[in-house]
């Protein structure tokens, strides 16, 4: 996202409480913020665009160069959406690309390590533990959704770090979707609800996060045949620590009372009756 100018933004801790200094004065950070006109269209002048584009290209090339010899060549091309893609290897087919900080129209074939991602790690870990969702999965979702840009705004109306849609914002009582604390809280809670809906199947939960649960259910609880959704699931699968379990790979735990004592039973077949618990995946 191209931004010009800087503004004072209140600094919150991981619980969403405003932080104060020793004199009792609220703490603020200086951050660049987007400017929009009355129609909600992002405003930027030509010099601002050129400066940020040059900075983003330089940053992307430096990130690519970290894993390449000093003599390696940098390749570039336009993808199907007209974005400029930079890479340390020639184009082959349709390689995956990742967002570059501060430049919506620039992509890189390596995930760009954005230093500001560390600022939200404690927040991600906290809500991952609260909702029993893998931290690596949440990090990957945030990277793919917004590249850790708390002010990200999509053409479809998704907002913030985890790109919350208006219905999700209303469902989880979010007052300011650009507040990282509120955004991550609601985004992780929504992801947890989708995992519960699809028996902890991360593949289906991610597909529903991208395309909506209605699309997943419409296609027989499989990943919908939409190129964007299939690419979304694949990219997060590549970035997360372990492969996403396929349908039918869960391990189910039931409890049977034998001689007055509870005896646990485990199976890879979902019980048709009685209470059970999903305890893992093969």
Protein backbone atom coordinates (compact mmCIF):
# COMPACT_ATOMS: atom_id res chain seq x y z
CA UNK A 1 0.00 0.00 0.00
CA UNK A 2 1.45 3.39 -0.94
CA UNK A 3 1.37 5.91 1.86
CA UNK A 4 2.64 9.45 2.31
CA UNK A 5 3.05 11.31 5.58
CA UNK A 6 3.24 9.98 9.11
CA UNK A 7 0.86 10.22 12.03
CA UNK A 8 0.77 9.43 15.74
CA UNK A 9 -0.85 6.05 16.43
CA UNK A 10 -1.67 4.94 20.02
CA UNK A 11 0.47 2.08 21.28
CA UNK A 12 -1.43 -0.88 22.80
CA UNK A 13 -0.15 -3.93 24.67
CA UNK A 14 -1.15 -7.53 23.78
CA UNK A 15 -4.37 -7.17 25.82
CA UNK A 16 -5.48 -4.08 23.94
CA UNK A 17 -4.73 -1.73 26.85
CA UNK A 18 -3.29 1.69 25.99
CA UNK A 19 0.29 2.02 27.23
CA UNK A 20 1.51 5.03 29.25
CA UNK A 21 5.00 6.28 30.07
CA UNK A 22 6.33 7.01 33.57
CA UNK A 23 4.71 10.47 33.49
CA UNK A 24 1.28 9.10 32.73
CA UNK A 25 1.33 10.31 29.13
CA UNK A 26 -0.08 7.92 26.49
CA UNK A 27 2.56 6.39 24.26
CA UNK A 28 2.35 6.80 20.51
CA UNK A 29 4.16 5.37 17.48
CA UNK A 30 4.82 7.32 14.29
CA UNK A 31 3.48 5.40 11.35
CA UNK A 32 2.67 6.06 7.76
CA UNK A 33 -1.07 5.84 7.13
CA UNK A 34 -3.04 5.69 3.89
CA UNK A 35 -5.04 8.70 2.70
CA UNK A 36 -8.44 8.14 1.10
CA UNK A 37 -10.77 10.50 -0.70
CA UNK A 38 -14.52 10.81 -0.03
CA UNK A 39 -15.19 7.71 -2.14
CA UNK A 40 -12.74 5.57 -0.16
CA UNK A 41 -10.16 5.57 -2.97
CA UNK A 42 -6.51 5.62 -1.92
CA UNK A 43 -4.80 8.95 -2.71
CA UNK A 44 -1.14 9.27 -3.64
CA UNK A 45 0.86 11.58 -5.85
CA UNK A 46 3.31 10.50 -8.54
CA UNK A 47 6.45 11.27 -6.53
CA UNK A 48 5.16 9.25 -3.60
CA UNK A 49 4.39 6.27 -5.84
CA UNK A 50 7.83 6.37 -7.46
CA UNK A 51 9.63 6.61 -4.13
CA UNK A 52 7.75 3.70 -2.52
CA UNK A 53 7.96 1.55 -5.65
CA UNK A 54 11.73 2.01 -5.81
CA UNK A 55 12.04 1.25 -2.11
CA UNK A 56 9.87 -1.87 -2.37
CA UNK A 57 11.76 -3.16 -5.43
CA UNK A 58 15.08 -2.65 -3.68
CA UNK A 59 13.82 -4.41 -0.57
CA UNK A 60 12.44 -7.34 -2.57
CA UNK A 61 15.68 -7.75 -4.51
CA UNK A 62 17.72 -7.65 -1.32
CA UNK A 63 15.53 -10.36 0.21
CA UNK A 64 15.90 -12.50 -2.90
CA UNK A 65 19.61 -11.92 -2.94
CA UNK A 66 20.09 -13.22 0.61
CA UNK A 67 19.69 -16.79 -0.65
CA UNK A 68 21.55 -16.31 -3.95
CA UNK A 69 25.21 -15.88 -4.94
CA UNK A 70 26.45 -12.32 -5.38
CA UNK A 71 26.57 -12.86 -9.14
CA UNK A 72 23.00 -14.15 -9.38
CA UNK A 73 20.71 -12.40 -11.87
CA UNK A 74 17.39 -10.84 -10.91
CA UNK A 75 14.48 -11.69 -13.24
CA UNK A 76 11.19 -9.81 -13.54
CA UNK A 77 7.87 -10.21 -15.35
CA UNK A 78 4.17 -9.32 -15.07
CA UNK A 79 1.71 -11.82 -13.65
CA UNK A 80 -1.89 -12.37 -14.79
CA UNK A 81 -3.08 -9.52 -12.55
CA UNK A 82 -0.54 -7.06 -13.94
CA UNK A 83 1.66 -7.14 -10.81
CA UNK A 84 5.42 -6.81 -11.24
CA UNK A 85 7.11 -10.03 -10.01
CA UNK A 86 10.82 -10.13 -9.14
CA UNK A 87 12.76 -13.37 -8.67
CA UNK A 88 16.26 -14.79 -8.44
CA UNK A 89 15.39 -17.50 -10.97
CA UNK A 90 13.86 -17.51 -14.48
CA UNK A 91 10.12 -17.77 -14.83
CA UNK A 92 8.85 -21.34 -15.14
CA UNK A 93 5.10 -21.88 -15.50
CA UNK A 94 3.13 -19.88 -12.93
CA UNK A 95 5.32 -19.73 -9.78
CA UNK A 96 3.84 -18.68 -6.47
CA UNK A 97 4.54 -15.09 -5.47
CA UNK A 98 4.22 -13.16 -2.23
CA UNK A 99 3.34 -9.60 -1.28
CA UNK A 100 6.06 -7.00 -0.82
CA UNK A 101 5.73 -4.48 1.99
CA UNK A 102 4.35 -1.06 0.95
CA UNK A 103 3.76 -2.03 -2.70
CA UNK A 104 0.50 -3.69 -3.71
CA UNK A 105 1.64 -4.03 -7.35
CA UNK A 106 4.99 -5.75 -6.58
CA UNK A 107 5.39 -9.45 -5.79
CA UNK A 108 8.37 -11.70 -4.99
CA UNK A 109 8.82 -15.46 -5.45
CA UNK A 110 10.17 -15.75 -1.91
CA UNK A 111 8.11 -14.81 1.15
CA UNK A 112 9.45 -11.40 2.16
CA UNK A 113 10.68 -11.37 5.74
CA UNK A 114 9.01 -8.24 7.10
CA UNK A 115 10.57 -7.01 10.32
CA UNK A 116 7.23 -5.73 11.62
CA UNK A 117 5.88 -9.29 11.75
CA UNK A 118 7.80 -9.72 15.01
CA UNK A 119 5.71 -6.94 16.55
CA UNK A 120 2.61 -9.12 16.33
CA UNK A 121 4.13 -12.47 17.31
CA UNK A 122 3.19 -12.27 21.00
CA UNK A 123 -0.35 -11.38 19.99
CA UNK A 124 -0.54 -14.35 17.60
CA UNK A 125 0.88 -16.77 20.18
CA UNK A 126 -1.58 -15.54 22.83
CA UNK A 127 -4.68 -16.08 20.71
CA UNK A 128 -3.32 -19.31 19.22
CA UNK A 129 -3.18 -20.74 22.73
CA UNK A 130 -6.57 -19.32 23.69
CA UNK A 131 -8.25 -20.90 20.65
CA UNK A 132 -6.03 -24.01 20.34
CA UNK A 133 -4.93 -23.14 16.80
CA UNK A 134 -1.40 -23.72 15.52
CA UNK A 135 0.71 -20.57 15.72
CA UNK A 136 2.46 -21.41 12.42
CA UNK A 137 -0.92 -21.68 10.72
CA UNK A 138 -1.98 -18.23 11.98
CA UNK A 139 1.33 -16.67 10.95
CA UNK A 140 0.95 -18.11 7.46
CA UNK A 141 -2.63 -16.81 7.18
CA UNK A 142 -1.55 -13.30 8.21
CA UNK A 143 1.39 -13.37 5.77
CA UNK A 144 -0.80 -14.43 2.83
CA UNK A 145 -3.74 -12.21 3.77
CA UNK A 146 -1.98 -8.92 4.49
CA UNK A 147 1.82 -9.43 4.60
CA UNK A 148 1.54 -8.22 8.22
CA UNK A 149 0.14 -4.84 7.16
CA UNK A 150 -2.39 -3.81 9.86
CA UNK A 151 -3.90 -1.21 7.49
CA UNK A 152 -4.41 -3.60 4.54
CA UNK A 153 -7.67 -3.13 2.63
CA UNK A 154 -8.79 -5.42 -0.18
CA UNK A 155 -11.04 -4.47 -3.13
CA UNK A 156 -13.67 -6.84 -1.68
CA UNK A 157 -13.79 -4.94 1.63
CA UNK A 158 -11.59 -7.18 3.77
CA UNK A 159 -9.68 -5.21 6.41
CA UNK A 160 -6.60 -5.46 8.60
CA UNK A 161 -4.04 -8.10 9.43
CA UNK A 162 -6.34 -11.10 8.93
CA UNK A 163 -8.50 -9.38 6.29
CA UNK A 164 -11.79 -9.52 8.16
CA UNK A 165 -14.93 -9.21 6.05
CA UNK A 166 -17.79 -6.98 7.29
CA UNK A 167 -19.88 -9.99 8.39
CA UNK A 168 -16.99 -11.36 10.47
CA UNK A 169 -16.35 -7.92 11.97
CA UNK A 170 -19.98 -7.75 13.08
CA UNK A 171 -20.09 -11.38 14.26
CA UNK A 172 -17.15 -10.95 16.65
CA UNK A 173 -17.92 -7.41 17.79
CA UNK A 174 -14.86 -5.73 16.29
CA UNK A 175 -14.97 -1.96 16.76
CA UNK A 176 -11.75 -1.10 14.92
CA UNK A 177 -10.57 -3.70 12.37
CA UNK A 178 -7.27 -1.81 11.96
CA UNK A 179 -6.45 -2.40 15.64
CA UNK A 180 -4.17 -5.49 15.56
CA UNK A 181 -5.44 -6.72 18.93
CA UNK A 182 -9.08 -6.75 17.83
CA UNK A 183 -8.30 -8.01 14.33
CA UNK A 184 -6.22 -10.99 15.43
CA UNK A 185 -8.67 -11.87 18.20
CA UNK A 186 -11.58 -12.03 15.76
CA UNK A 187 -9.59 -13.63 12.93
CA UNK A 188 -8.29 -16.48 15.10
CA UNK A 189 -11.71 -17.00 16.71
CA UNK A 190 -13.28 -17.23 13.23
CA UNK A 191 -10.60 -19.69 12.11
CA UNK A 192 -11.30 -21.75 15.25
CA UNK A 193 -15.02 -21.79 14.43
CA UNK A 194 -14.24 -23.05 10.92
CA UNK A 195 -11.94 -25.76 12.29
CA UNK A 196 -14.75 -26.88 14.60
CA UNK A 197 -17.19 -26.87 11.69
CA UNK A 198 -14.93 -29.14 9.60
CA UNK A 199 -13.70 -31.47 12.37
CA UNK A 200 -10.25 -29.83 12.64
CA UNK A 201 -9.56 -30.23 8.93
CA UNK A 202 -7.22 -27.30 8.24
CA UNK A 203 -7.55 -27.66 4.47
CA UNK A 204 -11.32 -27.13 4.54
CA UNK A 205 -11.11 -24.43 7.22
CA UNK A 206 -8.67 -22.43 5.09
CA UNK A 207 -10.80 -22.88 1.99
CA UNK A 208 -13.81 -21.59 3.96
CA UNK A 209 -11.78 -18.65 5.31
CA UNK A 210 -11.01 -17.66 1.72
CA UNK A 211 -14.18 -18.55 -0.19
CA UNK A 212 -16.74 -18.86 2.61
CA UNK A 213 -18.18 -21.99 4.25
CA UNK A 214 -21.11 -21.93 1.84
CA UNK A 215 -18.77 -22.60 -1.09
CA UNK A 216 -17.08 -25.48 0.76
CA UNK A 217 -20.42 -27.07 1.65
CA UNK A 218 -21.77 -26.54 -1.86
CA UNK A 219 -18.93 -28.65 -3.26
CA UNK A 220 -19.44 -31.57 -0.90
CA UNK A 221 -17.10 -30.31 1.82
CA UNK A 222 -14.07 -30.20 -0.45
CA UNK A 223 -11.86 -27.33 -1.52
CA UNK A 224 -13.93 -25.45 -4.14
CA UNK A 225 -12.58 -25.60 -7.71
CA UNK A 226 -11.69 -21.90 -7.65
CA UNK A 227 -8.15 -21.07 -8.75
CA UNK A 228 -7.78 -18.37 -6.10
CA UNK A 229 -8.94 -20.62 -3.26
CA UNK A 230 -6.83 -23.59 -4.32
CA UNK A 231 -3.77 -21.33 -4.63
CA UNK A 232 -4.55 -19.82 -1.21
CA UNK A 233 -4.65 -23.22 0.50
CA UNK A 234 -1.48 -24.34 -1.30
CA UNK A 235 0.47 -21.22 -0.34
CA UNK A 236 -0.42 -21.52 3.34
CA UNK A 237 0.34 -25.24 3.24
CA UNK A 238 3.82 -24.41 1.94
CA UNK A 239 4.45 -21.72 4.56
CA UNK A 240 3.09 -23.59 7.60
CA UNK A 241 5.35 -26.01 9.45
CA UNK A 242 3.61 -29.27 8.69
CA UNK A 243 1.40 -30.56 5.84
CA UNK A 244 -2.32 -29.95 6.17
CA UNK A 245 -4.05 -33.25 7.03
CA UNK A 246 -6.35 -34.63 4.37
CA UNK A 247 -9.95 -35.60 5.03
CA UNK A 248 -10.31 -38.86 6.91
CA UNK A 249 -6.86 -38.64 8.54
CA UNK A 250 -8.06 -37.52 12.00
CA UNK A 251 -7.68 -39.73 15.06
CA UNK A 252 -10.86 -40.00 17.16
CA UNK A 253 -11.00 -40.78 20.87
CA UNK A 254 -14.03 -42.31 22.58
CA UNK A 255 -14.40 -43.45 26.17
CA UNK A 256 -15.99 -46.76 27.16
CA UNK A 257 -16.84 -47.70 30.74
CA UNK A 258 -15.55 -51.19 31.59
CA UNK A 259 -16.10 -52.56 35.10
CA UNK A 260 -16.88 -49.07 36.28
CA UNK A 261 -13.65 -47.62 34.90
CA UNK A 262 -13.32 -45.31 31.83
CA UNK A 263 -11.26 -46.91 29.07
CA UNK A 264 -10.16 -44.74 26.11
CA UNK A 265 -10.54 -46.11 22.56
CA UNK A 266 -8.87 -44.67 19.46
CA UNK A 267 -9.88 -44.99 15.80
CA UNK A 268 -9.36 -43.30 12.43
CA UNK A 269 -13.08 -43.71 11.67
CA UNK A 270 -15.45 -41.04 12.91
CA UNK A 271 -17.94 -42.50 15.43
CA UNK A 272 -21.54 -42.49 14.25
CA UNK A 273 -22.99 -42.18 17.76
CA UNK A 274 -21.98 -41.00 21.18
CA UNK A 275 -19.46 -38.43 22.29
CA UNK A 276 -15.96 -38.34 20.82
CA UNK A 277 -12.90 -36.10 20.65
CA UNK A 278 -10.49 -35.37 17.80
CA UNK A 279 -7.05 -35.81 19.35
CA UNK A 280 -4.68 -35.67 16.38
CA UNK A 281 -3.93 -36.61 12.81
CA UNK A 282 -1.90 -39.32 11.14
